[in-house]
Structure formats: C-alpha cells, structure tokens
Amino acid sequence: MSEHITVEELSELMKKCAGVTVAPPELQQQYEAGFDTLGVDSLGLLGIVGELENRYGTPMPPDAERCKTPRQFLDQVNGALMTAGA
C-alpha cells in the first residue's frame, strides 16, 4: 500500500463507501466535477474519509470531507499522507 491515493483507489472507495460506481477513466475525465454531480453526497464522502483513516491509521484533514471535487480531495488527502509518512 502506497502513501498516495490514486484515481483508481478513489474510484474503488467511492463504490465501497458511497455505493457510487464511476470507472477510473471517467473519474479522471471528471476530475474537476463536483462530487455531487458524480452522485457522492456528504455522507458518502465521510465514509471514504473514515475508510482512509482506518487503512492508514492516521487522521485525514478536517476539510477532506468537505471537498467539492475529486482533485481537491486527492490533493488534501495525499498531502496529509505525505506529511504523516515524513
């Protein structure tokens, strides 16, 4: 397991935690689209954050669950993981 969440992993987490299936290539194309347009609501995003905290054993940034786009979310989460791993 790397200290970096990929688009593929986010796609997997969206399916597992939010019940929303978006293929990684589609997610990559909609990187700037709002989570709401992809079908992920705030509870789904909270579930994704919780899953990541369990996986990595480190708290995610408090604003991660309020991110509006996949890009914003991955930037915040990956920044936190890099800091935690340093």
N, C-alpha and C. Protein backbone atom coordinates (compact mmCIF):
# COMPACT_ATOMS: atom_id res chain seq x y z
N MET A 1 0.84 -1.18 0.00
CA MET A 1 0.00 0.00 0.00
C MET A 1 0.89 1.24 0.00
N SER A 2 0.61 2.11 -0.95
CA SER A 2 1.44 3.31 -1.05
C SER A 2 0.91 4.41 -0.13
N GLU A 3 1.69 5.44 0.02
CA GLU A 3 1.28 6.59 0.82
C GLU A 3 0.69 7.65 -0.12
N HIS A 4 -0.02 7.19 -1.13
CA HIS A 4 -0.56 8.07 -2.15
C HIS A 4 -1.83 7.42 -2.69
N ILE A 5 -2.95 8.13 -2.66
CA ILE A 5 -4.22 7.62 -3.16
C ILE A 5 -4.32 7.97 -4.64
N THR A 6 -4.58 6.98 -5.47
CA THR A 6 -4.71 7.19 -6.91
C THR A 6 -6.17 7.37 -7.28
N VAL A 7 -6.39 7.77 -8.52
CA VAL A 7 -7.76 7.89 -9.04
C VAL A 7 -8.44 6.52 -9.00
N GLU A 8 -7.68 5.46 -9.29
CA GLU A 8 -8.24 4.11 -9.26
C GLU A 8 -8.71 3.75 -7.85
N GLU A 9 -7.90 4.08 -6.85
CA GLU A 9 -8.27 3.80 -5.46
C GLU A 9 -9.48 4.63 -5.03
N LEU A 10 -9.52 5.88 -5.45
CA LEU A 10 -10.68 6.72 -5.12
C LEU A 10 -11.94 6.14 -5.75
N SER A 11 -11.83 5.66 -6.98
CA SER A 11 -12.97 5.04 -7.65
C SER A 11 -13.46 3.82 -6.86
N GLU A 12 -12.53 3.01 -6.40
CA GLU A 12 -12.85 1.83 -5.58
C GLU A 12 -13.52 2.24 -4.26
N LEU A 13 -12.99 3.27 -3.63
CA LEU A 13 -13.55 3.76 -2.36
C LEU A 13 -14.94 4.35 -2.56
N MET A 14 -15.16 5.03 -3.68
CA MET A 14 -16.48 5.59 -3.96
C MET A 14 -17.51 4.48 -4.08
N LYS A 15 -17.11 3.38 -4.70
CA LYS A 15 -18.03 2.24 -4.84
C LYS A 15 -18.28 1.57 -3.49
N LYS A 16 -17.21 1.33 -2.75
CA LYS A 16 -17.31 0.62 -1.47
C LYS A 16 -18.03 1.44 -0.40
N CYS A 17 -17.71 2.71 -0.28
CA CYS A 17 -18.19 3.53 0.83
C CYS A 17 -19.42 4.36 0.51
N ALA A 18 -19.60 4.70 -0.76
CA ALA A 18 -20.71 5.58 -1.12
C ALA A 18 -21.70 4.89 -2.05
N GLY A 19 -21.37 3.68 -2.50
CA GLY A 19 -22.27 2.95 -3.39
C GLY A 19 -22.37 3.57 -4.77
N VAL A 20 -21.36 4.32 -5.17
CA VAL A 20 -21.37 5.00 -6.47
C VAL A 20 -20.27 4.41 -7.34
N THR A 21 -20.67 3.90 -8.51
CA THR A 21 -19.69 3.31 -9.41
C THR A 21 -19.34 4.33 -10.50
N VAL A 22 -18.08 4.74 -10.50
CA VAL A 22 -17.53 5.60 -11.54
C VAL A 22 -16.20 4.97 -11.94
N ALA A 23 -16.10 4.56 -13.19
CA ALA A 23 -14.87 3.93 -13.67
C ALA A 23 -13.72 4.92 -13.59
N PRO A 24 -12.51 4.42 -13.26
CA PRO A 24 -11.36 5.33 -13.14
C PRO A 24 -11.14 6.26 -14.34
N PRO A 25 -11.26 5.78 -15.60
CA PRO A 25 -11.07 6.72 -16.71
C PRO A 25 -12.12 7.84 -16.72
N GLU A 26 -13.35 7.50 -16.36
CA GLU A 26 -14.41 8.51 -16.29
C GLU A 26 -14.13 9.49 -15.15
N LEU A 27 -13.67 8.96 -14.02
CA LEU A 27 -13.34 9.81 -12.88
C LEU A 27 -12.20 10.76 -13.24
N GLN A 28 -11.22 10.25 -13.97
CA GLN A 28 -10.09 11.09 -14.42
C GLN A 28 -10.60 12.22 -15.31
N GLN A 29 -11.55 11.91 -16.20
CA GLN A 29 -12.11 12.93 -17.09
C GLN A 29 -12.92 13.97 -16.32
N GLN A 30 -13.54 13.53 -15.21
CA GLN A 30 -14.39 14.42 -14.42
C GLN A 30 -13.69 14.86 -13.13
N TYR A 31 -12.38 14.98 -13.20
CA TYR A 31 -11.55 15.30 -12.05
C TYR A 31 -11.96 16.60 -11.37
N GLU A 32 -12.46 17.54 -12.15
CA GLU A 32 -12.86 18.84 -11.62
C GLU A 32 -14.36 18.92 -11.37
N ALA A 33 -15.10 17.85 -11.70
CA ALA A 33 -16.55 17.84 -11.49
C ALA A 33 -16.84 17.73 -9.99
N GLY A 34 -17.95 18.26 -9.59
CA GLY A 34 -18.33 18.16 -8.19
C GLY A 34 -18.70 16.73 -7.82
N PHE A 35 -18.38 16.34 -6.58
CA PHE A 35 -18.78 15.01 -6.12
C PHE A 35 -20.29 14.83 -6.26
N ASP A 36 -21.04 15.92 -6.03
CA ASP A 36 -22.50 15.82 -6.14
C ASP A 36 -22.94 15.43 -7.55
N THR A 37 -22.25 15.91 -8.58
CA THR A 37 -22.61 15.54 -9.94
C THR A 37 -22.22 14.09 -10.24
N LEU A 38 -21.27 13.56 -9.48
CA LEU A 38 -20.88 12.16 -9.65
C LEU A 38 -21.77 11.23 -8.82
N GLY A 39 -22.61 11.81 -7.96
CA GLY A 39 -23.52 11.00 -7.16
C GLY A 39 -23.05 10.71 -5.75
N VAL A 40 -21.96 11.36 -5.33
CA VAL A 40 -21.43 11.15 -3.97
C VAL A 40 -21.90 12.30 -3.09
N ASP A 41 -22.66 11.96 -2.05
CA ASP A 41 -23.12 13.00 -1.13
C ASP A 41 -22.16 13.13 0.05
N SER A 42 -22.49 14.01 0.98
CA SER A 42 -21.59 14.28 2.10
C SER A 42 -21.39 13.05 2.98
N LEU A 43 -22.42 12.24 3.15
CA LEU A 43 -22.25 11.01 3.95
C LEU A 43 -21.33 10.02 3.25
N GLY A 44 -21.44 9.94 1.94
CA GLY A 44 -20.55 9.06 1.18
C GLY A 44 -19.10 9.49 1.31
N LEU A 45 -18.89 10.79 1.23
CA LEU A 45 -17.53 11.32 1.36
C LEU A 45 -16.99 11.10 2.77
N LEU A 46 -17.86 11.24 3.76
CA LEU A 46 -17.48 10.97 5.14
C LEU A 46 -17.07 9.50 5.30
N GLY A 47 -17.79 8.61 4.63
CA GLY A 47 -17.45 7.19 4.67
C GLY A 47 -16.09 6.91 4.04
N ILE A 48 -15.79 7.60 2.95
CA ILE A 48 -14.50 7.45 2.28
C ILE A 48 -13.38 7.92 3.21
N VAL A 49 -13.59 9.06 3.85
CA VAL A 49 -12.59 9.60 4.79
C VAL A 49 -12.36 8.61 5.93
N GLY A 50 -13.44 8.07 6.49
CA GLY A 50 -13.32 7.10 7.57
C GLY A 50 -12.56 5.86 7.15
N GLU A 51 -12.84 5.37 5.96
CA GLU A 51 -12.13 4.19 5.45
C GLU A 51 -10.64 4.47 5.31
N LEU A 52 -10.29 5.64 4.80
CA LEU A 52 -8.87 6.00 4.65
C LEU A 52 -8.19 6.12 6.01
N GLU A 53 -8.89 6.69 6.98
CA GLU A 53 -8.30 6.80 8.33
C GLU A 53 -8.04 5.42 8.91
N ASN A 54 -8.96 4.49 8.70
CA ASN A 54 -8.76 3.12 9.18
C ASN A 54 -7.61 2.43 8.45
N ARG A 55 -7.54 2.61 7.14
CA ARG A 55 -6.50 1.97 6.33
C ARG A 55 -5.10 2.44 6.71
N TYR A 56 -4.96 3.73 6.86
CA TYR A 56 -3.64 4.32 7.06
C TYR A 56 -3.31 4.61 8.51
N GLY A 57 -4.30 4.49 9.41
CA GLY A 57 -4.05 4.71 10.82
C GLY A 57 -3.66 6.14 11.15
N THR A 58 -4.13 7.06 10.35
CA THR A 58 -3.81 8.47 10.58
C THR A 58 -5.04 9.31 10.26
N PRO A 59 -5.27 10.37 11.02
CA PRO A 59 -6.44 11.22 10.72
C PRO A 59 -6.26 11.95 9.39
N MET A 60 -7.35 12.09 8.69
CA MET A 60 -7.35 12.86 7.45
C MET A 60 -7.60 14.33 7.81
N PRO A 61 -7.27 15.24 6.89
CA PRO A 61 -7.51 16.66 7.18
C PRO A 61 -8.99 16.91 7.49
N PRO A 62 -9.29 17.79 8.42
CA PRO A 62 -10.68 18.05 8.78
C PRO A 62 -11.53 18.51 7.61
N ASP A 63 -10.92 19.17 6.63
CA ASP A 63 -11.68 19.66 5.48
C ASP A 63 -11.86 18.62 4.39
N ALA A 64 -11.25 17.45 4.52
CA ALA A 64 -11.34 16.44 3.46
C ALA A 64 -12.78 16.06 3.16
N GLU A 65 -13.59 15.96 4.19
CA GLU A 65 -14.99 15.56 3.97
C GLU A 65 -15.83 16.67 3.36
N ARG A 66 -15.26 17.86 3.25
CA ARG A 66 -15.99 18.97 2.64
C ARG A 66 -15.48 19.32 1.24
N CYS A 67 -14.55 18.53 0.73
CA CYS A 67 -14.02 18.78 -0.61
C CYS A 67 -15.14 18.67 -1.65
N LYS A 68 -15.05 19.51 -2.65
CA LYS A 68 -16.10 19.55 -3.67
C LYS A 68 -15.79 18.68 -4.89
N THR A 69 -14.50 18.47 -5.18
CA THR A 69 -14.12 17.73 -6.39
C THR A 69 -13.12 16.62 -6.07
N PRO A 70 -13.04 15.62 -6.94
CA PRO A 70 -12.03 14.57 -6.73
C PRO A 70 -10.61 15.14 -6.66
N ARG A 71 -10.31 16.12 -7.50
CA ARG A 71 -8.96 16.71 -7.47
C ARG A 71 -8.67 17.33 -6.11
N GLN A 72 -9.60 18.13 -5.62
CA GLN A 72 -9.44 18.78 -4.31
C GLN A 72 -9.26 17.73 -3.21
N PHE A 73 -10.06 16.68 -3.26
CA PHE A 73 -9.99 15.63 -2.25
C PHE A 73 -8.64 14.92 -2.29
N LEU A 74 -8.21 14.50 -3.48
CA LEU A 74 -6.93 13.78 -3.59
C LEU A 74 -5.76 14.68 -3.19
N ASP A 75 -5.81 15.95 -3.54
CA ASP A 75 -4.73 16.87 -3.15
C ASP A 75 -4.63 16.95 -1.63
N GLN A 76 -5.76 17.10 -0.95
CA GLN A 76 -5.76 17.22 0.52
C GLN A 76 -5.32 15.93 1.18
N VAL A 77 -5.91 14.81 0.76
CA VAL A 77 -5.61 13.53 1.39
C VAL A 77 -4.16 13.11 1.14
N ASN A 78 -3.71 13.25 -0.09
CA ASN A 78 -2.33 12.87 -0.40
C ASN A 78 -1.33 13.77 0.31
N GLY A 79 -1.66 15.05 0.46
CA GLY A 79 -0.80 15.95 1.23
C GLY A 79 -0.69 15.51 2.67
N ALA A 80 -1.82 15.08 3.26
CA ALA A 80 -1.82 14.61 4.65
C ALA A 80 -1.03 13.31 4.79
N LEU A 81 -1.18 12.41 3.83
CA LEU A 81 -0.45 11.14 3.89
C LEU A 81 1.05 11.35 3.74
N MET A 82 1.46 12.29 2.88
CA MET A 82 2.88 12.57 2.72
C MET A 82 3.45 13.16 4.01
N THR A 83 2.68 14.04 4.66
CA THR A 83 3.12 14.65 5.92
C THR A 83 3.22 13.61 7.01
N ALA A 84 2.23 12.71 7.07
CA ALA A 84 2.21 11.67 8.11
C ALA A 84 3.35 10.68 7.91
N GLY A 85 3.72 10.44 6.64
CA GLY A 85 4.77 9.47 6.36
C GLY A 85 6.18 10.06 6.47
N ALA A 86 6.25 11.37 6.59
CA ALA A 86 7.57 12.02 6.64
C ALA A 86 8.25 11.84 7.97
